[in-house]
Amino acid sequence: MKMMLALTHAISIPELYDEIARQAISSGRIEAGDYRYDCTKISVSEQITYWVEEFYKANYSDWKMVFGMHWCCFGPKTDTNLTGHNIEIEDGFFMREEVA
């Protein structure tokens, strides 16, 4: 599923995923609910990567190391073919949170 993400500010990786879910729910792409996310099943444009990087610059003195580690472990893939604020979500990115 391709989406254009309305994003105009620095954002952390967990906040990014929550915002994607919020916008997917509000646009009717997915049902409302609690979700976990599979970070291997999402690609984002360089512009989205920029906004996440800006969050780390503003919040960590050693932001390059922290951003690099978080992006490699928990971040989406940056797809240089995506432009603007576009993202591409593969099946399985949204996983319903199981209620115990």
C-alpha atoms as a PDB file:
ATOM      1  CA  MET A   1       0.000   0.000   0.000  1.00  0.00           C
ATOM      2  CA  LYS A   2       1.392   3.402  -0.941  1.00  0.00           C
ATOM      3  CA  MET A   3       0.573   6.426   1.180  1.00  0.00           C
ATOM      4  CA  MET A   4       1.502  10.070   1.272  1.00  0.00           C
ATOM      5  CA  LEU A   5       2.311  10.946   4.860  1.00  0.00           C
ATOM      6  CA  ALA A   6       1.353  14.393   6.144  1.00  0.00           C
ATOM      7  CA  LEU A   7       4.455  15.179   8.180  1.00  0.00           C
ATOM      8  CA  THR A   8       5.990  18.593   8.815  1.00  0.00           C
ATOM      9  CA  HIS A   9       8.133  18.160  11.907  1.00  0.00           C
ATOM     10  CA  ALA A  10      10.922  16.105  13.438  1.00  0.00           C
ATOM     11  CA  ILE A  11       9.690  12.740  14.715  1.00  0.00           C
ATOM     12  CA  SER A  12      11.136   9.654  16.401  1.00  0.00           C
ATOM     13  CA  ILE A  13      10.875   6.204  14.833  1.00  0.00           C
ATOM     14  CA  PRO A  14       8.153   4.963  17.247  1.00  0.00           C
ATOM     15  CA  GLU A  15       6.210   8.205  16.755  1.00  0.00           C
ATOM     16  CA  LEU A  16       6.571   7.793  12.979  1.00  0.00           C
ATOM     17  CA  TYR A  17       5.033   4.328  13.079  1.00  0.00           C
ATOM     18  CA  ASP A  18       2.185   5.528  15.322  1.00  0.00           C
ATOM     19  CA  GLU A  19       1.548   8.446  12.954  1.00  0.00           C
ATOM     20  CA  ILE A  20       1.466   6.117   9.949  1.00  0.00           C
ATOM     21  CA  ALA A  21      -1.108   3.949  11.759  1.00  0.00           C
ATOM     22  CA  ARG A  22      -3.157   7.012  12.746  1.00  0.00           C
ATOM     23  CA  GLN A  23      -3.247   8.283   9.168  1.00  0.00           C
ATOM     24  CA  ALA A  24      -3.970   4.801   7.764  1.00  0.00           C
ATOM     25  CA  ILE A  25      -6.891   4.447  10.190  1.00  0.00           C
ATOM     26  CA  SER A  26      -8.277   7.930   9.478  1.00  0.00           C
ATOM     27  CA  SER A  27      -8.122   7.309   5.713  1.00  0.00           C
ATOM     28  CA  GLY A  28      -9.890   3.943   6.048  1.00  0.00           C
ATOM     29  CA  ARG A  29      -6.890   1.883   4.896  1.00  0.00           C
ATOM     30  CA  ILE A  30      -6.893  -0.175   8.103  1.00  0.00           C
ATOM     31  CA  GLU A  31      -9.375  -0.736  10.912  1.00  0.00           C
ATOM     32  CA  ALA A  32      -8.966   1.057  14.213  1.00  0.00           C
ATOM     33  CA  GLY A  33      -7.146  -0.931  16.872  1.00  0.00           C
ATOM     34  CA  ASP A  34      -3.877  -1.409  18.694  1.00  0.00           C
ATOM     35  CA  TYR A  35      -0.989  -2.407  16.452  1.00  0.00           C
ATOM     36  CA  ARG A  36       2.604  -3.530  16.579  1.00  0.00           C
ATOM     37  CA  TYR A  37       4.793  -2.816  13.575  1.00  0.00           C
ATOM     38  CA  ASP A  38       7.232  -4.904  11.537  1.00  0.00           C
ATOM     39  CA  CYS A  39       9.952  -2.436  10.546  1.00  0.00           C
ATOM     40  CA  THR A  40      11.190  -4.740   7.770  1.00  0.00           C
ATOM     41  CA  LYS A  41       7.961  -4.189   5.836  1.00  0.00           C
ATOM     42  CA  ILE A  42       8.048  -0.447   5.216  1.00  0.00           C
ATOM     43  CA  SER A  43       9.960   1.877   2.933  1.00  0.00           C
ATOM     44  CA  VAL A  44      10.039   5.657   3.201  1.00  0.00           C
ATOM     45  CA  SER A  45      11.252   8.530   1.046  1.00  0.00           C
ATOM     46  CA  GLU A  46      14.418  10.466   1.781  1.00  0.00           C
ATOM     47  CA  GLN A  47      12.245  13.359   3.038  1.00  0.00           C
ATOM     48  CA  ILE A  48      10.722  11.144   5.745  1.00  0.00           C
ATOM     49  CA  THR A  49      14.217   9.942   6.662  1.00  0.00           C
ATOM     50  CA  TYR A  50      15.212  13.618   6.987  1.00  0.00           C
ATOM     51  CA  TRP A  51      12.437  14.331   9.532  1.00  0.00           C
ATOM     52  CA  VAL A  52      13.479  11.350  11.663  1.00  0.00           C
ATOM     53  CA  GLU A  53      17.131  12.369  11.471  1.00  0.00           C
ATOM     54  CA  GLU A  54      16.164  15.895  12.587  1.00  0.00           C
ATOM     55  CA  PHE A  55      14.544  14.421  15.713  1.00  0.00           C
ATOM     56  CA  TYR A  56      17.798  12.707  16.663  1.00  0.00           C
ATOM     57  CA  LYS A  57      19.854  15.847  15.932  1.00  0.00           C
ATOM     58  CA  ALA A  58      17.642  17.858  18.281  1.00  0.00           C
ATOM     59  CA  ASN A  59      17.573  15.306  21.108  1.00  0.00           C
ATOM     60  CA  TYR A  60      20.963  13.551  21.260  1.00  0.00           C
ATOM     61  CA  SER A  61      24.451  15.055  21.453  1.00  0.00           C
ATOM     62  CA  ASP A  62      25.835  11.896  19.811  1.00  0.00           C
ATOM     63  CA  TRP A  63      22.925  11.860  17.361  1.00  0.00           C
ATOM     64  CA  LYS A  64      24.827  10.261  14.455  1.00  0.00           C
ATOM     65  CA  MET A  65      25.590   7.130  16.450  1.00  0.00           C
ATOM     66  CA  VAL A  66      22.130   6.946  18.060  1.00  0.00           C
ATOM     67  CA  PHE A  67      20.295   7.639  14.790  1.00  0.00           C
ATOM     68  CA  GLY A  68      22.430   5.119  12.896  1.00  0.00           C
ATOM     69  CA  MET A  69      21.906   2.409  15.484  1.00  0.00           C
ATOM     70  CA  HIS A  70      18.149   3.008  15.770  1.00  0.00           C
ATOM     71  CA  TRP A  71      17.675   3.293  11.991  1.00  0.00           C
ATOM     72  CA  CYS A  72      19.553   0.044  11.348  1.00  0.00           C
ATOM     73  CA  CYS A  73      17.783  -1.884  14.118  1.00  0.00           C
ATOM     74  CA  PHE A  74      14.273  -0.406  14.110  1.00  0.00           C
ATOM     75  CA  GLY A  75      13.984   1.915  11.172  1.00  0.00           C
ATOM     76  CA  PRO A  76      12.274   1.535   7.850  1.00  0.00           C
ATOM     77  CA  LYS A  77      14.157   1.224   4.596  1.00  0.00           C
ATOM     78  CA  THR A  78      14.893   4.455   2.727  1.00  0.00           C
ATOM     79  CA  ASP A  79      13.781   4.077  -0.886  1.00  0.00           C
ATOM     80  CA  THR A  80      15.320   6.690  -3.177  1.00  0.00           C
ATOM     81  CA  ASN A  81      12.599   5.975  -5.757  1.00  0.00           C
ATOM     82  CA  LEU A  82       9.956   7.350  -3.389  1.00  0.00           C
ATOM     83  CA  THR A  83       9.552  11.128  -3.540  1.00  0.00           C
ATOM     84  CA  GLY A  84       8.132  13.789  -1.249  1.00  0.00           C
ATOM     85  CA  HIS A  85       6.434  12.356   1.819  1.00  0.00           C
ATOM     86  CA  ASN A  86       5.577   9.019   0.235  1.00  0.00           C
ATOM     87  CA  ILE A  87       5.867   5.679   1.974  1.00  0.00           C
ATOM     88  CA  GLU A  88       5.248   2.115   0.849  1.00  0.00           C
ATOM     89  CA  ILE A  89       3.822  -0.393   3.304  1.00  0.00           C
ATOM     90  CA  GLU A  90       4.036  -4.117   2.633  1.00  0.00           C
ATOM     91  CA  ASP A  91       1.518  -6.648   3.923  1.00  0.00           C
ATOM     92  CA  GLY A  92       2.440  -7.557   7.477  1.00  0.00           C
ATOM     93  CA  PHE A  93       3.673  -4.115   8.618  1.00  0.00           C
ATOM     94  CA  PHE A  94       0.591  -3.677  10.797  1.00  0.00           C
ATOM     95  CA  MET A  95       0.116  -6.522  13.265  1.00  0.00           C
ATOM     96  CA  ARG A  96      -2.851  -6.510  15.622  1.00  0.00           C
ATOM     97  CA  GLU A  97      -1.819  -6.306  19.260  1.00  0.00           C
ATOM     98  CA  GLU A  98      -3.049  -9.384  21.084  1.00  0.00           C
ATOM     99  CA  VAL A  99      -5.058  -8.610  24.207  1.00  0.00           C
ATOM    100  CA  ALA A 100      -4.327 -11.069  27.016  1.00  0.00           C
END
